[in-house]
């Protein structure tokens, strides 16, 4: 349904609302829990399986998604406070 790309990683929102990521994972931006620094194949972000993602935005090393229930999730690098979690 939607493709979002950054310089080092890509995020896909499928028709069923599931999120897949691929590319560099140096800052945890893939959100898969994998310790590898790279992933060449689209990989399901299992932490979001219970949510129907409507849209997303990506930065150099972070991602944000919004669900159809109007919930927002963010992950990856927070070195400038871009995740909005109140601390850097």
C-alpha atoms as a PDB file:
ATOM      1  CA  UNK A   1       0.000   0.000   0.000  1.00  0.00           C
ATOM      2  CA  UNK A   2       2.754   2.488   0.932  1.00  0.00           C
ATOM      3  CA  UNK A   3       6.545   2.656   0.660  1.00  0.00           C
ATOM      4  CA  UNK A   4       8.690   5.038   2.716  1.00  0.00           C
ATOM      5  CA  UNK A   5      12.440   5.282   2.296  1.00  0.00           C
ATOM      6  CA  UNK A   6      15.336   6.944   4.042  1.00  0.00           C
ATOM      7  CA  UNK A   7      18.995   7.000   3.003  1.00  0.00           C
ATOM      8  CA  UNK A   8      19.725   3.668   4.735  1.00  0.00           C
ATOM      9  CA  UNK A   9      16.437   1.832   5.271  1.00  0.00           C
ATOM     10  CA  UNK A  10      12.950   1.297   3.839  1.00  0.00           C
ATOM     11  CA  UNK A  11       9.566   0.858   5.546  1.00  0.00           C
ATOM     12  CA  UNK A  12       6.589  -0.784   3.833  1.00  0.00           C
ATOM     13  CA  UNK A  13       2.948  -0.621   4.957  1.00  0.00           C
ATOM     14  CA  UNK A  14       1.073  -3.570   3.453  1.00  0.00           C
ATOM     15  CA  UNK A  15      -2.585  -3.626   2.416  1.00  0.00           C
ATOM     16  CA  UNK A  16      -3.403  -5.510   5.634  1.00  0.00           C
ATOM     17  CA  UNK A  17      -1.811  -2.755   7.779  1.00  0.00           C
ATOM     18  CA  UNK A  18       1.271  -4.770   8.718  1.00  0.00           C
ATOM     19  CA  UNK A  19       4.663  -3.036   8.633  1.00  0.00           C
ATOM     20  CA  UNK A  20       7.810  -4.452   7.043  1.00  0.00           C
ATOM     21  CA  UNK A  21      11.297  -2.932   7.150  1.00  0.00           C
ATOM     22  CA  UNK A  22      14.609  -3.598   5.429  1.00  0.00           C
ATOM     23  CA  UNK A  23      18.055  -2.028   5.095  1.00  0.00           C
ATOM     24  CA  UNK A  24      20.446  -0.746   7.749  1.00  0.00           C
ATOM     25  CA  UNK A  25      19.685  -1.431  11.398  1.00  0.00           C
ATOM     26  CA  UNK A  26      22.560   0.383  13.113  1.00  0.00           C
ATOM     27  CA  UNK A  27      20.217   2.407  15.361  1.00  0.00           C
ATOM     28  CA  UNK A  28      17.412  -0.161  15.703  1.00  0.00           C
ATOM     29  CA  UNK A  29      15.458   1.576  12.946  1.00  0.00           C
ATOM     30  CA  UNK A  30      14.146  -1.714  11.544  1.00  0.00           C
ATOM     31  CA  UNK A  31      12.201  -2.375  14.746  1.00  0.00           C
ATOM     32  CA  UNK A  32      12.570  -6.127  14.396  1.00  0.00           C
ATOM     33  CA  UNK A  33      14.583  -6.741  17.547  1.00  0.00           C
ATOM     34  CA  UNK A  34      17.368  -8.248  15.425  1.00  0.00           C
ATOM     35  CA  UNK A  35      20.933  -7.558  16.471  1.00  0.00           C
ATOM     36  CA  UNK A  36      22.224  -7.631  12.894  1.00  0.00           C
ATOM     37  CA  UNK A  37      23.270  -4.326  11.369  1.00  0.00           C
ATOM     38  CA  UNK A  38      21.583  -5.010   8.013  1.00  0.00           C
ATOM     39  CA  UNK A  39      18.597  -6.882   6.578  1.00  0.00           C
ATOM     40  CA  UNK A  40      18.249  -7.363   2.815  1.00  0.00           C
ATOM     41  CA  UNK A  41      14.696  -8.781   2.808  1.00  0.00           C
ATOM     42  CA  UNK A  42      11.493  -7.076   4.026  1.00  0.00           C
ATOM     43  CA  UNK A  43      10.942  -8.252   7.607  1.00  0.00           C
ATOM     44  CA  UNK A  44       7.706  -8.012   9.584  1.00  0.00           C
ATOM     45  CA  UNK A  45       7.766  -5.640  12.567  1.00  0.00           C
ATOM     46  CA  UNK A  46       6.102  -8.112  14.921  1.00  0.00           C
ATOM     47  CA  UNK A  47       5.590  -5.544  17.686  1.00  0.00           C
ATOM     48  CA  UNK A  48       2.962  -3.886  15.487  1.00  0.00           C
ATOM     49  CA  UNK A  49       1.107  -7.030  14.362  1.00  0.00           C
ATOM     50  CA  UNK A  50      -1.881  -6.286  16.598  1.00  0.00           C
ATOM     51  CA  UNK A  51      -2.255  -2.827  15.033  1.00  0.00           C
ATOM     52  CA  UNK A  52      -3.546  -1.761  11.641  1.00  0.00           C
ATOM     53  CA  UNK A  53      -1.055   0.868  10.473  1.00  0.00           C
ATOM     54  CA  UNK A  54      -2.527   3.636   8.327  1.00  0.00           C
ATOM     55  CA  UNK A  55       0.565   5.666   7.456  1.00  0.00           C
ATOM     56  CA  UNK A  56       4.183   6.250   8.396  1.00  0.00           C
ATOM     57  CA  UNK A  57       7.096   8.662   8.239  1.00  0.00           C
ATOM     58  CA  UNK A  58      10.791   7.835   8.220  1.00  0.00           C
ATOM     59  CA  UNK A  59      13.910   9.757   9.127  1.00  0.00           C
ATOM     60  CA  UNK A  60      17.559   8.889   8.674  1.00  0.00           C
ATOM     61  CA  UNK A  61      17.586   6.414  11.579  1.00  0.00           C
ATOM     62  CA  UNK A  62      14.033   6.365  12.976  1.00  0.00           C
ATOM     63  CA  UNK A  63      10.408   5.649  12.038  1.00  0.00           C
ATOM     64  CA  UNK A  64       6.973   6.774  13.140  1.00  0.00           C
ATOM     65  CA  UNK A  65       3.672   5.079  12.310  1.00  0.00           C
ATOM     66  CA  UNK A  66       0.041   6.001  12.929  1.00  0.00           C
ATOM     67  CA  UNK A  67      -2.615   3.313  13.260  1.00  0.00           C
ATOM     68  CA  UNK A  68      -6.246   3.373  12.209  1.00  0.00           C
ATOM     69  CA  UNK A  69      -7.015   3.649  15.954  1.00  0.00           C
ATOM     70  CA  UNK A  70      -5.076   6.984  15.991  1.00  0.00           C
ATOM     71  CA  UNK A  71      -2.172   5.557  18.028  1.00  0.00           C
ATOM     72  CA  UNK A  72       1.404   6.556  17.215  1.00  0.00           C
ATOM     73  CA  UNK A  73       4.500   4.397  17.565  1.00  0.00           C
ATOM     74  CA  UNK A  74       8.126   5.479  17.083  1.00  0.00           C
ATOM     75  CA  UNK A  75      11.441   3.613  17.150  1.00  0.00           C
ATOM     76  CA  UNK A  76      15.085   3.909  16.195  1.00  0.00           C
ATOM     77  CA  UNK A  77      17.530   6.686  17.018  1.00  0.00           C
ATOM     78  CA  UNK A  78      16.485   9.392  19.475  1.00  0.00           C
ATOM     79  CA  UNK A  79      19.727  11.405  19.494  1.00  0.00           C
ATOM     80  CA  UNK A  80      17.866  14.693  18.863  1.00  0.00           C
ATOM     81  CA  UNK A  81      14.574  13.804  20.584  1.00  0.00           C
ATOM     82  CA  UNK A  82      12.875  12.837  17.317  1.00  0.00           C
ATOM     83  CA  UNK A  83      10.980   9.933  18.921  1.00  0.00           C
ATOM     84  CA  UNK A  84       9.072  12.295  21.199  1.00  0.00           C
ATOM     85  CA  UNK A  85       9.629  10.241  24.340  1.00  0.00           C
ATOM     86  CA  UNK A  86      10.728  13.161  26.508  1.00  0.00           C
ATOM     87  CA  UNK A  87      14.439  12.424  26.777  1.00  0.00           C
ATOM     88  CA  UNK A  88      17.449  12.427  24.495  1.00  0.00           C
END
